[in-house]
PDB file of all heavy atoms in Angstrom:
ATOM      1  N   GLN A   1     113.797  99.471 111.213  1.00  0.00           N
ATOM      2  CA  GLN A   1     112.453  99.276 110.654  1.00  0.00           C
ATOM      3  C   GLN A   1     111.476  98.700 111.668  1.00  0.00           C
ATOM      4  O   GLN A   1     110.326  99.110 111.735  1.00  0.00           O
ATOM      5  CB  GLN A   1     112.540  98.364 109.442  1.00  0.00           C
ATOM      6  CG  GLN A   1     111.207  98.013 108.801  1.00  0.00           C
ATOM      7  CD  GLN A   1     110.505  99.220 108.200  1.00  0.00           C
ATOM      8  OE1 GLN A   1     109.377  99.534 108.582  1.00  0.00           O
ATOM      9  NE2 GLN A   1     111.167  99.920 107.300  1.00  0.00           N
ATOM     10  N   TYR A   2     111.941  97.768 112.478  1.00  0.00           N
ATOM     11  CA  TYR A   2     111.051  97.091 113.423  1.00  0.00           C
ATOM     12  C   TYR A   2     111.195  97.601 114.853  1.00  0.00           C
ATOM     13  O   TYR A   2     110.758  96.949 115.795  1.00  0.00           O
ATOM     14  CB  TYR A   2     111.315  95.580 113.378  1.00  0.00           C
ATOM     15  CG  TYR A   2     111.221  94.990 111.990  1.00  0.00           C
ATOM     16  CD1 TYR A   2     112.333  94.429 111.382  1.00  0.00           C
ATOM     17  CD2 TYR A   2     110.023  95.032 111.284  1.00  0.00           C
ATOM     18  CE1 TYR A   2     112.254  93.888 110.099  1.00  0.00           C
ATOM     19  CE2 TYR A   2     109.938  94.497 110.000  1.00  0.00           C
ATOM     20  CZ  TYR A   2     111.044  93.941 109.407  1.00  0.00           C
ATOM     21  OH  TYR A   2     110.969  93.421 108.138  1.00  0.00           O
ATOM     22  N   SER A   3     111.796  98.757 115.024  1.00  0.00           N
ATOM     23  CA  SER A   3     111.991  99.316 116.362  1.00  0.00           C
ATOM     24  C   SER A   3     111.130 100.548 116.567  1.00  0.00           C
ATOM     25  O   SER A   3     110.566 101.110 115.616  1.00  0.00           O
ATOM     26  CB  SER A   3     113.467  99.686 116.589  1.00  0.00           C
ATOM     27  OG  SER A   3     113.796 100.837 115.821  1.00  0.00           O
ATOM     28  N   GLU A   4     111.066 101.002 117.810  1.00  0.00           N
ATOM     29  CA  GLU A   4     110.287 102.206 118.136  1.00  0.00           C
ATOM     30  C   GLU A   4     110.984 103.470 117.625  1.00  0.00           C
ATOM     31  O   GLU A   4     110.387 104.535 117.564  1.00  0.00           O
ATOM     32  CB  GLU A   4     110.101 102.302 119.652  1.00  0.00           C
ATOM     33  CG  GLU A   4     109.241 101.182 120.242  1.00  0.00           C
ATOM     34  CD  GLU A   4     109.101 101.310 121.747  1.00  0.00           C
ATOM     35  OE1 GLU A   4     109.718 102.231 122.308  1.00  0.00           O
ATOM     36  OE2 GLU A   4     108.365 100.497 122.331  1.00  0.00           O
ATOM     37  N   ASP A   5     112.261 103.333 117.265  1.00  0.00           N
ATOM     38  CA  ASP A   5     113.009 104.492 116.791  1.00  0.00           C
ATOM     39  C   ASP A   5     112.656 104.872 115.356  1.00  0.00           C
ATOM     40  O   ASP A   5     113.077 105.919 114.869  1.00  0.00           O
ATOM     41  CB  ASP A   5     114.522 104.219 116.869  1.00  0.00           C
ATOM     42  CG  ASP A   5     115.015 104.076 118.296  1.00  0.00           C
ATOM     43  OD1 ASP A   5     114.358 104.652 119.190  1.00  0.00           O
ATOM     44  OD2 ASP A   5     116.032 103.407 118.528  1.00  0.00           O
ATOM     45  N   MET A   6     111.912 104.025 114.674  1.00  0.00           N
ATOM     46  CA  MET A   6     111.553 104.311 113.281  1.00  0.00           C
ATOM     47  C   MET A   6     110.722 105.582 113.194  1.00  0.00           C
ATOM     48  O   MET A   6     109.689 105.714 113.843  1.00  0.00           O
ATOM     49  CB  MET A   6     110.763 103.143 112.697  1.00  0.00           C
ATOM     50  CG  MET A   6     110.465 103.284 111.206  1.00  0.00           C
ATOM     51  SD  MET A   6     111.970 103.205 110.236  1.00  0.00           S
ATOM     52  CE  MET A   6     111.369 103.740 108.636  1.00  0.00           C
ATOM     53  N   SER A   7     111.213 106.534 112.433  1.00  0.00           N
ATOM     54  CA  SER A   7     110.530 107.827 112.322  1.00  0.00           C
ATOM     55  C   SER A   7     109.176 107.684 111.626  1.00  0.00           C
ATOM     56  O   SER A   7     109.019 106.893 110.700  1.00  0.00           O
ATOM     57  CB  SER A   7     111.408 108.808 111.535  1.00  0.00           C
ATOM     58  OG  SER A   7     110.727 110.019 111.296  1.00  0.00           O
ATOM     59  N   LYS A   8     108.225 108.474 112.081  1.00  0.00           N
ATOM     60  CA  LYS A   8     106.894 108.502 111.458  1.00  0.00           C
ATOM     61  C   LYS A   8     106.782 109.632 110.435  1.00  0.00           C
ATOM     62  O   LYS A   8     105.702 109.907 109.926  1.00  0.00           O
ATOM     63  CB  LYS A   8     105.807 108.684 112.529  1.00  0.00           C
ATOM     64  CG  LYS A   8     105.862 107.657 113.664  1.00  0.00           C
ATOM     65  CD  LYS A   8     105.739 106.229 113.139  1.00  0.00           C
ATOM     66  CE  LYS A   8     105.772 105.220 114.295  1.00  0.00           C
ATOM     67  NZ  LYS A   8     105.765 103.823 113.823  1.00  0.00           N
ATOM     68  N   ASP A   9     107.894 110.251 110.127  1.00  0.00           N
ATOM     69  CA  ASP A   9     107.919 111.366 109.168  1.00  0.00           C
ATOM     70  C   ASP A   9     107.389 110.873 107.813  1.00  0.00           C
ATOM     71  O   ASP A   9     107.903 109.899 107.257  1.00  0.00           O
ATOM     72  CB  ASP A   9     109.342 111.882 109.022  1.00  0.00           C
ATOM     73  CG  ASP A   9     109.439 113.134 108.168  1.00  0.00           C
ATOM     74  OD1 ASP A   9     108.441 113.479 107.506  1.00  0.00           O
ATOM     75  OD2 ASP A   9     110.508 113.770 108.169  1.00  0.00           O
ATOM     76  N   PRO A  10     106.362 111.528 107.248  1.00  0.00           N
ATOM     77  CA  PRO A  10     105.813 111.113 105.954  1.00  0.00           C
ATOM     78  C   PRO A  10     106.854 111.128 104.842  1.00  0.00           C
ATOM     79  O   PRO A  10     106.709 110.410 103.845  1.00  0.00           O
ATOM     80  CB  PRO A  10     104.710 112.149 105.677  1.00  0.00           C
ATOM     81  CG  PRO A  10     104.371 112.709 107.018  1.00  0.00           C
ATOM     82  CD  PRO A  10     105.637 112.668 107.829  1.00  0.00           C
ATOM     83  N   ARG A  11     107.907 111.921 105.025  1.00  0.00           N
ATOM     84  CA  ARG A  11     108.959 112.013 103.990  1.00  0.00           C
ATOM     85  C   ARG A  11     109.637 110.656 103.794  1.00  0.00           C
ATOM     86  O   ARG A  11     110.081 110.339 102.686  1.00  0.00           O
ATOM     87  CB  ARG A  11     109.984 113.075 104.388  1.00  0.00           C
ATOM     88  CG  ARG A  11     111.156 113.159 103.425  1.00  0.00           C
ATOM     89  CD  ARG A  11     112.141 114.233 103.807  1.00  0.00           C
ATOM     90  NE  ARG A  11     113.383 114.090 103.079  1.00  0.00           N
ATOM     91  CZ  ARG A  11     113.563 114.469 101.829  1.00  0.00           C
ATOM     92  NH1 ARG A  11     112.577 115.020 101.157  1.00  0.00           N
ATOM     93  NH2 ARG A  11     114.730 114.329 101.225  1.00  0.00           N
ATOM     94  N   ILE A  12     109.720 109.868 104.856  1.00  0.00           N
ATOM     95  CA  ILE A  12     110.383 108.570 104.756  1.00  0.00           C
ATOM     96  C   ILE A  12     109.650 107.691 103.748  1.00  0.00           C
ATOM     97  O   ILE A  12     110.242 107.142 102.812  1.00  0.00           O
ATOM     98  CB  ILE A  12     110.424 107.860 106.131  1.00  0.00           C
ATOM     99  CG1 ILE A  12     111.081 108.772 107.195  1.00  0.00           C
ATOM    100  CG2 ILE A  12     111.151 106.526 106.018  1.00  0.00           C
ATOM    101  CD1 ILE A  12     112.496 109.078 106.957  1.00  0.00           C
ATOM    102  N   HIS A  13     108.344 107.557 103.940  1.00  0.00           N
ATOM    103  CA  HIS A  13     107.525 106.744 103.035  1.00  0.00           C
ATOM    104  C   HIS A  13     107.545 107.312 101.624  1.00  0.00           C
ATOM    105  O   HIS A  13     107.617 106.552 100.625  1.00  0.00           O
ATOM    106  CB  HIS A  13     106.091 106.695 103.546  1.00  0.00           C
ATOM    107  CG  HIS A  13     105.177 105.827 102.747  1.00  0.00           C
ATOM    108  ND1 HIS A  13     105.264 104.440 102.739  1.00  0.00           N
ATOM    109  CD2 HIS A  13     104.162 106.149 101.885  1.00  0.00           C
ATOM    110  CE1 HIS A  13     104.349 103.949 101.920  1.00  0.00           C
ATOM    111  NE2 HIS A  13     103.659 104.956 101.390  1.00  0.00           N
ATOM    112  N   SER A  14     107.528 108.623 101.496  1.00  0.00           N
ATOM    113  CA  SER A  14     107.529 109.254 100.189  1.00  0.00           C
ATOM    114  C   SER A  14     108.816 108.966  99.435  1.00  0.00           C
ATOM    115  O   SER A  14     108.795 108.701  98.213  1.00  0.00           O
ATOM    116  CB  SER A  14     107.341 110.771 100.352  1.00  0.00           C
ATOM    117  OG  SER A  14     107.359 111.416  99.108  1.00  0.00           O
ATOM    118  N   CYS A  15     109.952 108.984 100.142  1.00  0.00           N
ATOM    119  CA  CYS A  15     111.238 108.694  99.496  1.00  0.00           C
ATOM    120  C   CYS A  15     111.303 107.262  99.005  1.00  0.00           C
ATOM    121  O   CYS A  15     111.861 106.995  97.927  1.00  0.00           O
ATOM    122  CB  CYS A  15     112.377 108.939 100.479  1.00  0.00           C
ATOM    123  SG  CYS A  15     112.780 110.686 100.710  1.00  0.00           S
ATOM    124  N   VAL A  16     110.762 106.330  99.776  1.00  0.00           N
ATOM    125  CA  VAL A  16     110.743 104.929  99.355  1.00  0.00           C
ATOM    126  C   VAL A  16     109.954 104.796  98.057  1.00  0.00           C
ATOM    127  O   VAL A  16     110.388 104.094  97.117  1.00  0.00           O
ATOM    128  CB  VAL A  16     110.138 104.042 100.466  1.00  0.00           C
ATOM    129  CG1 VAL A  16     110.003 102.607  99.974  1.00  0.00           C
ATOM    130  CG2 VAL A  16     111.027 104.078 101.708  1.00  0.00           C
ATOM    131  N   LEU A  17     108.801 105.461  97.975  1.00  0.00           N
ATOM    132  CA  LEU A  17     107.992 105.384  96.768  1.00  0.00           C
ATOM    133  C   LEU A  17     108.695 106.064  95.592  1.00  0.00           C
ATOM    134  O   LEU A  17     108.601 105.611  94.444  1.00  0.00           O
ATOM    135  CB  LEU A  17     106.630 106.045  97.008  1.00  0.00           C
ATOM    136  CG  LEU A  17     105.716 105.337  98.030  1.00  0.00           C
ATOM    137  CD1 LEU A  17     104.407 106.093  98.186  1.00  0.00           C
ATOM    138  CD2 LEU A  17     105.445 103.889  97.636  1.00  0.00           C
ATOM    139  N   ASP A  18     109.414 107.166  95.868  1.00  0.00           N
ATOM    140  CA  ASP A  18     110.160 107.843  94.811  1.00  0.00           C
ATOM    141  C   ASP A  18     111.174 106.906  94.157  1.00  0.00           C
ATOM    142  O   ASP A  18     111.303 106.885  92.923  1.00  0.00           O
ATOM    143  CB  ASP A  18     110.903 109.069  95.372  1.00  0.00           C
ATOM    144  CG  ASP A  18     109.975 110.222  95.679  1.00  0.00           C
ATOM    145  OD1 ASP A  18     108.811 110.205  95.192  1.00  0.00           O
ATOM    146  OD2 ASP A  18     110.398 111.143  96.419  1.00  0.00           O
ATOM    147  N   ILE A  19     111.875 106.165  94.993  1.00  0.00           N
ATOM    148  CA  ILE A  19     112.908 105.262  94.463  1.00  0.00           C
ATOM    149  C   ILE A  19     112.266 104.107  93.702  1.00  0.00           C
ATOM    150  O   ILE A  19     112.768 103.690  92.664  1.00  0.00           O
ATOM    151  CB  ILE A  19     113.809 104.772  95.614  1.00  0.00           C
ATOM    152  CG1 ILE A  19     114.681 105.937  96.093  1.00  0.00           C
ATOM    153  CG2 ILE A  19     114.668 103.591  95.179  1.00  0.00           C
ATOM    154  CD1 ILE A  19     115.589 105.617  97.237  1.00  0.00           C
ATOM    155  N   ILE A  20     111.159 103.582  94.205  1.00  0.00           N
ATOM    156  CA  ILE A  20     110.475 102.511  93.491  1.00  0.00           C
ATOM    157  C   ILE A  20     110.022 102.986  92.113  1.00  0.00           C
ATOM    158  O   ILE A  20     110.184 102.294  91.102  1.00  0.00           O
ATOM    159  CB  ILE A  20     109.276 101.997  94.324  1.00  0.00           C
ATOM    160  CG1 ILE A  20     109.798 101.238  95.559  1.00  0.00           C
ATOM    161  CG2 ILE A  20     108.372 101.094  93.479  1.00  0.00           C
ATOM    162  CD1 ILE A  20     108.695 100.760  96.484  1.00  0.00           C
ATOM    163  N   GLU A  21     109.468 104.198  92.053  1.00  0.00           N
ATOM    164  CA  GLU A  21     109.029 104.745  90.772  1.00  0.00           C
ATOM    165  C   GLU A  21     110.215 104.982  89.845  1.00  0.00           C
ATOM    166  O   GLU A  21     110.148 104.743  88.628  1.00  0.00           O
ATOM    167  CB  GLU A  21     108.283 106.068  90.992  1.00  0.00           C
ATOM    168  CG  GLU A  21     106.895 105.897  91.588  1.00  0.00           C
ATOM    169  CD  GLU A  21     106.193 107.220  91.815  1.00  0.00           C
ATOM    170  OE1 GLU A  21     106.883 108.284  91.748  1.00  0.00           O
ATOM    171  OE2 GLU A  21     104.980 107.236  92.050  1.00  0.00           O
ATOM    172  N   ASN A  22     111.341 105.432  90.426  1.00  0.00           N
ATOM    173  CA  ASN A  22     112.527 105.694  89.617  1.00  0.00           C
ATOM    174  C   ASN A  22     113.081 104.401  89.020  1.00  0.00           C
ATOM    175  O   ASN A  22     113.518 104.361  87.867  1.00  0.00           O
ATOM    176  CB  ASN A  22     113.595 106.379  90.475  1.00  0.00           C
ATOM    177  CG  ASN A  22     114.840 106.704  89.660  1.00  0.00           C
ATOM    178  OD1 ASN A  22     114.743 107.268  88.587  1.00  0.00           O
ATOM    179  ND2 ASN A  22     115.991 106.365  90.201  1.00  0.00           N
ATOM    180  N   VAL A  23     113.043 103.334  89.802  1.00  0.00           N
ATOM    181  CA  VAL A  23     113.587 102.069  89.351  1.00  0.00           C
ATOM    182  C   VAL A  23     112.649 101.365  88.392  1.00  0.00           C
ATOM    183  O   VAL A  23     113.048 100.880  87.322  1.00  0.00           O
ATOM    184  CB  VAL A  23     113.906 101.155  90.559  1.00  0.00           C
ATOM    185  CG1 VAL A  23     114.312  99.769  90.085  1.00  0.00           C
ATOM    186  CG2 VAL A  23     114.994 101.768  91.427  1.00  0.00           C
ATOM    187  N   ALA A  24     111.381 101.297  88.741  1.00  0.00           N
ATOM    188  CA  ALA A  24     110.416 100.547  87.949  1.00  0.00           C
ATOM    189  C   ALA A  24     109.953 101.292  86.708  1.00  0.00           C
ATOM    190  O   ALA A  24     109.554 100.655  85.711  1.00  0.00           O
ATOM    191  CB  ALA A  24     109.211 100.167  88.808  1.00  0.00           C
ATOM    192  N   GLY A  25     110.038 102.643  86.752  1.00  0.00           N
ATOM    193  CA  GLY A  25     109.589 103.398  85.616  1.00  0.00           C
ATOM    194  C   GLY A  25     108.101 103.163  85.363  1.00  0.00           C
ATOM    195  O   GLY A  25     107.282 103.184  86.287  1.00  0.00           O
ATOM    196  N   TYR A  26     107.754 102.915  84.110  1.00  0.00           N
ATOM    197  CA  TYR A  26     106.349 102.704  83.743  1.00  0.00           C
ATOM    198  C   TYR A  26     106.008 101.212  83.651  1.00  0.00           C
ATOM    199  O   TYR A  26     104.945 100.840  83.131  1.00  0.00           O
ATOM    200  CB  TYR A  26     106.060 103.371  82.402  1.00  0.00           C
ATOM    201  CG  TYR A  26     106.197 104.871  82.451  1.00  0.00           C
ATOM    202  CD1 TYR A  26     107.326 105.499  81.906  1.00  0.00           C
ATOM    203  CD2 TYR A  26     105.214 105.667  83.051  1.00  0.00           C
ATOM    204  CE1 TYR A  26     107.462 106.890  81.953  1.00  0.00           C
ATOM    205  CE2 TYR A  26     105.334 107.035  83.109  1.00  0.00           C
ATOM    206  CZ  TYR A  26     106.470 107.637  82.562  1.00  0.00           C
ATOM    207  OH  TYR A  26     106.599 108.999  82.628  1.00  0.00           O
ATOM    208  N   ASN A  27     106.901 100.364  84.145  1.00  0.00           N
ATOM    209  CA  ASN A  27     106.682  98.939  84.123  1.00  0.00           C
ATOM    210  C   ASN A  27     105.748  98.556  85.279  1.00  0.00           C
ATOM    211  O   ASN A  27     106.179  98.447  86.425  1.00  0.00           O
ATOM    212  CB  ASN A  27     108.018  98.195  84.225  1.00  0.00           C
ATOM    213  CG  ASN A  27     107.886  96.693  84.021  1.00  0.00           C
ATOM    214  OD1 ASN A  27     106.843  96.110  84.323  1.00  0.00           O
ATOM    215  ND2 ASN A  27     108.940  96.101  83.500  1.00  0.00           N
ATOM    216  N   GLN A  28     104.470  98.354  84.973  1.00  0.00           N
ATOM    217  CA  GLN A  28     103.479  98.101  86.020  1.00  0.00           C
ATOM    218  C   GLN A  28     103.760  96.786  86.742  1.00  0.00           C
ATOM    219  O   GLN A  28     103.579  96.688  87.968  1.00  0.00           O
ATOM    220  CB  GLN A  28     102.081  98.072  85.399  1.00  0.00           C
ATOM    221  CG  GLN A  28     100.945  97.954  86.421  1.00  0.00           C
ATOM    222  CD  GLN A  28     100.898  99.139  87.371  1.00  0.00           C
ATOM    223  OE1 GLN A  28     100.972 100.277  86.929  1.00  0.00           O
ATOM    224  NE2 GLN A  28     100.791  98.869  88.665  1.00  0.00           N
ATOM    225  N   THR A  29     104.212  95.787  86.006  1.00  0.00           N
ATOM    226  CA  THR A  29     104.508  94.487  86.631  1.00  0.00           C
ATOM    227  C   THR A  29     105.634  94.632  87.667  1.00  0.00           C
ATOM    228  O   THR A  29     105.547  94.092  88.763  1.00  0.00           O
ATOM    229  CB  THR A  29     104.925  93.453  85.548  1.00  0.00           C
ATOM    230  OG1 THR A  29     103.867  93.339  84.602  1.00  0.00           O
ATOM    231  CG2 THR A  29     105.206  92.105  86.186  1.00  0.00           C
ATOM    232  N   LEU A  30     106.661  95.381  87.284  1.00  0.00           N
ATOM    233  CA  LEU A  30     107.787  95.595  88.195  1.00  0.00           C
ATOM    234  C   LEU A  30     107.360  96.425  89.392  1.00  0.00           C
ATOM    235  O   LEU A  30     107.794  96.171  90.528  1.00  0.00           O
ATOM    236  CB  LEU A  30     108.934  96.272  87.447  1.00  0.00           C
ATOM    237  CG  LEU A  30     110.304  96.273  88.125  1.00  0.00           C
ATOM    238  CD1 LEU A  30     110.731  94.848  88.489  1.00  0.00           C
ATOM    239  CD2 LEU A  30     111.344  96.935  87.232  1.00  0.00           C
ATOM    240  N   GLN A  31     106.530  97.419  89.172  1.00  0.00           N
ATOM    241  CA  GLN A  31     106.015  98.237  90.285  1.00  0.00           C
ATOM    242  C   GLN A  31     105.270  97.356  91.291  1.00  0.00           C
ATOM    243  O   GLN A  31     105.453  97.482  92.519  1.00  0.00           O
ATOM    244  CB  GLN A  31     105.080  99.318  89.757  1.00  0.00           C
ATOM    245  CG  GLN A  31     105.759 100.487  89.093  1.00  0.00           C
ATOM    246  CD  GLN A  31     104.763 101.559  88.687  1.00  0.00           C
ATOM    247  OE1 GLN A  31     103.586 101.481  89.004  1.00  0.00           O
ATOM    248  NE2 GLN A  31     105.258 102.566  87.965  1.00  0.00           N
ATOM    249  N   ASP A  32     104.432  96.473  90.780  1.00  0.00           N
ATOM    250  CA  ASP A  32     103.656  95.586  91.655  1.00  0.00           C
ATOM    251  C   ASP A  32     104.583  94.683  92.470  1.00  0.00           C
ATOM    252  O   ASP A  32     104.336  94.445  93.668  1.00  0.00           O
ATOM    253  CB  ASP A  32     102.694  94.735  90.823  1.00  0.00           C
ATOM    254  CG  ASP A  32     101.594  95.572  90.171  1.00  0.00           C
ATOM    255  OD1 ASP A  32     101.383  96.726  90.633  1.00  0.00           O
ATOM    256  OD2 ASP A  32     100.965  95.085  89.202  1.00  0.00           O
ATOM    257  N   LYS A  33     105.635  94.162  91.835  1.00  0.00           N
ATOM    258  CA  LYS A  33     106.575  93.301  92.551  1.00  0.00           C
ATOM    259  C   LYS A  33     107.294  94.073  93.663  1.00  0.00           C
ATOM    260  O   LYS A  33     107.467  93.568  94.771  1.00  0.00           O
ATOM    261  CB  LYS A  33     107.600  92.727  91.582  1.00  0.00           C
ATOM    262  CG  LYS A  33     107.034  91.648  90.665  1.00  0.00           C
ATOM    263  CD  LYS A  33     108.127  91.065  89.760  1.00  0.00           C
ATOM    264  CE  LYS A  33     107.565  89.979  88.854  1.00  0.00           C
ATOM    265  NZ  LYS A  33     108.632  89.424  87.980  1.00  0.00           N
TER     266      LYS A  33
END
């Protein structure tokens, strides 16, 4: 994460958001956390 080897591929960021949405569902408070 903190190295130069971290890929700039937009898919990486998109996957992180996918998992957050999957876990938090429609719980806005949990999404914010």
